[in-house]
Each structure stands twice: as structure tokens, then as C-alpha cells.
Amino acid sequence: MSRAKTWARALRRDAHAIALAARDPRVPWTVKLLAIAVAGYALSPIDLIPDFIPVLGYLDDLVIVPLGIWLVIALIPEDVMREYRAMASAAVQRPVSKAAAIIIVALWISGVALLGWAALVYWDV
């Protein structure tokens, strides 16, 4: 159990480090875009797939987020990542991505509206 907690802490630290590294001029702009997306989603208080949905709800937390973090870390220069990991470890408070939460809520609202529109068209109400 302590190994899982250590892994989870490292993921949170790395998500924070990626968010910091996304602002660094030594990181290529294509990697910055990916880093912003991955860090935003990882630090968002809202999941794209809610946890109450069986299997899929935890799939993003256990597979998608770690794979995204791993990919971005592989693309960021090693010395830059080392520097921002140290800064993230020293940080007292972790950031929360409110912009990513707003985007996720907007996606859910758009999806429900599209589903409602499709239902109206299909049943010709």
C-alpha cells in the first residue's frame, strides 16, 4: 500500500512539474501544448469520465493520466524536468486547474445538449 501512495505522490509531483515546465522557453512549443493539456487534466478537480461509471471511471485515473504524464516527461529535456521536479517537490501547495474543469464541464454540457437534439430529431417531437 505504501508503494501505491508513493507512486501517486510522484504522479502529482510530476503533473505539477509538467505545468511549471510548460512555461519554460527551453521546452518546444509542441511539447508545451501537450504538457498544458496533460497537466490541466491531471490537476483538474473534475474528471472527463466520472468515477461512478463502472470501469471507465477509474480507467482515466489509472491508465490515461499516467501515460500522458509519462509521454510529456519523455519529451521534455531531462535537465529541465529535473529542475521543475525539484521545484514541485518543494512546493507547499499543489495547483488546481480551474480552466480544465470549466472545459470538462462545457464538454459534458455540449454532449448532453447534442444528445437531446439528436433525440428530438430522431423522435420528431
C-alpha atoms as a PDB file:
ATOM      1  CA  MET A   1       0.000   0.000   0.000  1.00  0.00           C
ATOM      2  CA  SER A   2       2.833   2.410   0.763  1.00  0.00           C
ATOM      3  CA  ARG A   3       4.240   1.727  -2.713  1.00  0.00           C
ATOM      4  CA  ALA A   4       0.945   2.850  -4.298  1.00  0.00           C
ATOM      5  CA  LYS A   5       0.926   6.007  -2.174  1.00  0.00           C
ATOM      6  CA  THR A   6       4.496   6.791  -3.213  1.00  0.00           C
ATOM      7  CA  TRP A   7       3.558   6.282  -6.872  1.00  0.00           C
ATOM      8  CA  ALA A   8       0.507   8.569  -6.505  1.00  0.00           C
ATOM      9  CA  ARG A   9       2.592  11.294  -4.852  1.00  0.00           C
ATOM     10  CA  ALA A  10       5.160  11.052  -7.654  1.00  0.00           C
ATOM     11  CA  LEU A  11       2.389  11.430 -10.238  1.00  0.00           C
ATOM     12  CA  ARG A  12       1.029  14.536  -8.517  1.00  0.00           C
ATOM     13  CA  ARG A  13       4.544  15.978  -8.267  1.00  0.00           C
ATOM     14  CA  ASP A  14       5.225  15.222 -11.920  1.00  0.00           C
ATOM     15  CA  ALA A  15       1.908  16.780 -13.010  1.00  0.00           C
ATOM     16  CA  HIS A  16       2.882  19.931 -11.110  1.00  0.00           C
ATOM     17  CA  ALA A  17       6.398  19.821 -12.605  1.00  0.00           C
ATOM     18  CA  ILE A  18       4.921  19.479 -16.108  1.00  0.00           C
ATOM     19  CA  ALA A  19       2.695  22.504 -15.518  1.00  0.00           C
ATOM     20  CA  LEU A  20       5.768  24.505 -14.479  1.00  0.00           C
ATOM     21  CA  ALA A  21       7.882  23.215 -17.380  1.00  0.00           C
ATOM     22  CA  ALA A  22       5.199  24.225 -19.881  1.00  0.00           C
ATOM     23  CA  ARG A  23       6.212  27.852 -19.270  1.00  0.00           C
ATOM     24  CA  ASP A  24       9.920  27.264 -19.844  1.00  0.00           C
ATOM     25  CA  PRO A  25      11.430  28.590 -23.105  1.00  0.00           C
ATOM     26  CA  ARG A  26      13.691  25.524 -23.351  1.00  0.00           C
ATOM     27  CA  VAL A  27      10.651  23.321 -23.965  1.00  0.00           C
ATOM     28  CA  PRO A  28       9.477  23.111 -27.621  1.00  0.00           C
ATOM     29  CA  TRP A  29       6.080  24.680 -28.285  1.00  0.00           C
ATOM     30  CA  THR A  30       4.537  21.381 -29.415  1.00  0.00           C
ATOM     31  CA  VAL A  31       5.534  19.771 -26.122  1.00  0.00           C
ATOM     32  CA  LYS A  32       4.218  22.832 -24.265  1.00  0.00           C
ATOM     33  CA  LEU A  33       0.758  22.326 -25.793  1.00  0.00           C
ATOM     34  CA  LEU A  34       0.725  18.665 -24.818  1.00  0.00           C
ATOM     35  CA  ALA A  35       2.101  19.498 -21.353  1.00  0.00           C
ATOM     36  CA  ILE A  36      -0.627  22.092 -20.765  1.00  0.00           C
ATOM     37  CA  ALA A  37      -3.329  19.608 -21.794  1.00  0.00           C
ATOM     38  CA  VAL A  38      -1.954  16.741 -19.682  1.00  0.00           C
ATOM     39  CA  ALA A  39      -1.211  18.883 -16.615  1.00  0.00           C
ATOM     40  CA  GLY A  40      -4.561  20.651 -16.902  1.00  0.00           C
ATOM     41  CA  TYR A  41      -6.433  17.361 -16.973  1.00  0.00           C
ATOM     42  CA  ALA A  42      -4.304  15.761 -14.254  1.00  0.00           C
ATOM     43  CA  LEU A  43      -4.725  18.764 -11.954  1.00  0.00           C
ATOM     44  CA  SER A  44      -8.413  19.306 -12.745  1.00  0.00           C
ATOM     45  CA  PRO A  45     -10.812  18.684  -9.863  1.00  0.00           C
ATOM     46  CA  ILE A  46     -13.310  17.171 -12.351  1.00  0.00           C
ATOM     47  CA  ASP A  47     -12.741  14.023 -14.426  1.00  0.00           C
ATOM     48  CA  LEU A  48     -13.803  13.758 -18.053  1.00  0.00           C
ATOM     49  CA  ILE A  49     -15.159  10.295 -17.232  1.00  0.00           C
ATOM     50  CA  PRO A  50     -16.751  10.427 -13.754  1.00  0.00           C
ATOM     51  CA  ASP A  51     -15.607   7.761 -11.287  1.00  0.00           C
ATOM     52  CA  PHE A  52     -19.144   6.442 -10.741  1.00  0.00           C
ATOM     53  CA  ILE A  53     -19.154   4.975 -14.279  1.00  0.00           C
ATOM     54  CA  PRO A  54     -18.073   1.334 -13.855  1.00  0.00           C
ATOM     55  CA  VAL A  55     -14.548   0.501 -15.085  1.00  0.00           C
ATOM     56  CA  LEU A  56     -14.218   3.552 -17.368  1.00  0.00           C
ATOM     57  CA  GLY A  57     -14.431   5.952 -14.432  1.00  0.00           C
ATOM     58  CA  TYR A  58     -11.181   4.713 -12.955  1.00  0.00           C
ATOM     59  CA  LEU A  59      -9.552   3.949 -16.307  1.00  0.00           C
ATOM     60  CA  ASP A  60      -8.534   7.577 -16.828  1.00  0.00           C
ATOM     61  CA  ASP A  61      -7.060   7.820 -13.330  1.00  0.00           C
ATOM     62  CA  LEU A  62      -5.134   4.565 -13.538  1.00  0.00           C
ATOM     63  CA  VAL A  63      -4.090   4.464 -17.200  1.00  0.00           C
ATOM     64  CA  ILE A  64      -4.682   7.624 -19.228  1.00  0.00           C
ATOM     65  CA  VAL A  65      -3.258  10.210 -16.795  1.00  0.00           C
ATOM     66  CA  PRO A  66      -0.066   8.225 -16.014  1.00  0.00           C
ATOM     67  CA  LEU A  67       0.517   7.529 -19.726  1.00  0.00           C
ATOM     68  CA  GLY A  68       0.048  11.200 -20.575  1.00  0.00           C
ATOM     69  CA  ILE A  69       2.448  12.259 -17.830  1.00  0.00           C
ATOM     70  CA  TRP A  70       4.982   9.648 -18.947  1.00  0.00           C
ATOM     71  CA  LEU A  71       4.765  10.853 -22.571  1.00  0.00           C
ATOM     72  CA  VAL A  72       5.273  14.515 -21.670  1.00  0.00           C
ATOM     73  CA  ILE A  73       8.178  13.677 -19.344  1.00  0.00           C
ATOM     74  CA  ALA A  74       9.808  11.727 -22.174  1.00  0.00           C
ATOM     75  CA  LEU A  75       9.509  14.774 -24.473  1.00  0.00           C
ATOM     76  CA  ILE A  76      10.774  17.422 -22.022  1.00  0.00           C
ATOM     77  CA  PRO A  77      14.575  17.762 -21.811  1.00  0.00           C
ATOM     78  CA  GLU A  78      15.912  15.840 -18.822  1.00  0.00           C
ATOM     79  CA  ASP A  79      17.689  18.784 -17.157  1.00  0.00           C
ATOM     80  CA  VAL A  80      14.539  20.936 -17.413  1.00  0.00           C
ATOM     81  CA  MET A  81      12.396  18.171 -15.921  1.00  0.00           C
ATOM     82  CA  ARG A  82      14.867  17.605 -13.085  1.00  0.00           C
ATOM     83  CA  GLU A  83      14.786  21.333 -12.237  1.00  0.00           C
ATOM     84  CA  TYR A  84      10.984  21.513 -12.175  1.00  0.00           C
ATOM     85  CA  ARG A  85      10.598  18.265 -10.245  1.00  0.00           C
ATOM     86  CA  ALA A  86      12.735  19.823  -7.516  1.00  0.00           C
ATOM     87  CA  MET A  87      10.554  22.954  -7.564  1.00  0.00           C
ATOM     88  CA  ALA A  88       7.363  20.860  -7.465  1.00  0.00           C
ATOM     89  CA  SER A  89       8.701  18.802  -4.549  1.00  0.00           C
ATOM     90  CA  ALA A  90       9.482  21.972  -2.622  1.00  0.00           C
ATOM     91  CA  ALA A  91       6.043  23.494  -3.269  1.00  0.00           C
ATOM     92  CA  VAL A  92       3.797  23.557  -0.234  1.00  0.00           C
ATOM     93  CA  GLN A  93       0.522  23.699  -2.142  1.00  0.00           C
ATOM     94  CA  ARG A  94      -0.353  21.909  -5.383  1.00  0.00           C
ATOM     95  CA  PRO A  95      -2.130  23.882  -8.109  1.00  0.00           C
ATOM     96  CA  VAL A  96      -5.667  23.124  -9.249  1.00  0.00           C
ATOM     97  CA  SER A  97      -6.631  23.678 -12.875  1.00  0.00           C
ATOM     98  CA  LYS A  98      -9.930  25.540 -12.858  1.00  0.00           C
ATOM     99  CA  ALA A  99      -9.694  26.187 -16.608  1.00  0.00           C
ATOM    100  CA  ALA A 100      -9.549  22.450 -17.310  1.00  0.00           C
ATOM    101  CA  ALA A 101     -12.530  21.913 -15.001  1.00  0.00           C
ATOM    102  CA  ILE A 102     -14.505  24.539 -16.941  1.00  0.00           C
ATOM    103  CA  ILE A 103     -13.582  22.902 -20.261  1.00  0.00           C
ATOM    104  CA  ILE A 104     -14.654  19.479 -18.984  1.00  0.00           C
ATOM    105  CA  VAL A 105     -17.988  20.840 -17.721  1.00  0.00           C
ATOM    106  CA  ALA A 106     -18.506  22.570 -21.094  1.00  0.00           C
ATOM    107  CA  LEU A 107     -17.826  19.268 -22.881  1.00  0.00           C
ATOM    108  CA  TRP A 108     -20.386  17.476 -20.710  1.00  0.00           C
ATOM    109  CA  ILE A 109     -22.994  20.210 -21.273  1.00  0.00           C
ATOM    110  CA  SER A 110     -22.343  20.148 -25.039  1.00  0.00           C
ATOM    111  CA  GLY A 111     -22.645  16.371 -25.088  1.00  0.00           C
ATOM    112  CA  VAL A 112     -25.952  16.404 -23.218  1.00  0.00           C
ATOM    113  CA  ALA A 113     -27.274  19.167 -25.499  1.00  0.00           C
ATOM    114  CA  LEU A 114     -26.211  17.219 -28.598  1.00  0.00           C
ATOM    115  CA  LEU A 115     -27.811  14.059 -27.253  1.00  0.00           C
ATOM    116  CA  GLY A 116     -31.036  15.984 -26.526  1.00  0.00           C
ATOM    117  CA  TRP A 117     -31.031  17.478 -30.020  1.00  0.00           C
ATOM    118  CA  ALA A 118     -30.435  14.044 -31.594  1.00  0.00           C
ATOM    119  CA  ALA A 119     -33.326  12.627 -29.536  1.00  0.00           C
ATOM    120  CA  LEU A 120     -35.642  15.425 -30.697  1.00  0.00           C
ATOM    121  CA  VAL A 121     -34.708  14.867 -34.329  1.00  0.00           C
ATOM    122  CA  TYR A 122     -34.994  11.077 -34.067  1.00  0.00           C
ATOM    123  CA  TRP A 123     -38.394  11.066 -32.386  1.00  0.00           C
ATOM    124  CA  ASP A 124     -39.593  14.106 -34.390  1.00  0.00           C
ATOM    125  CA  VAL A 125     -41.091  15.856 -31.389  1.00  0.00           C
END
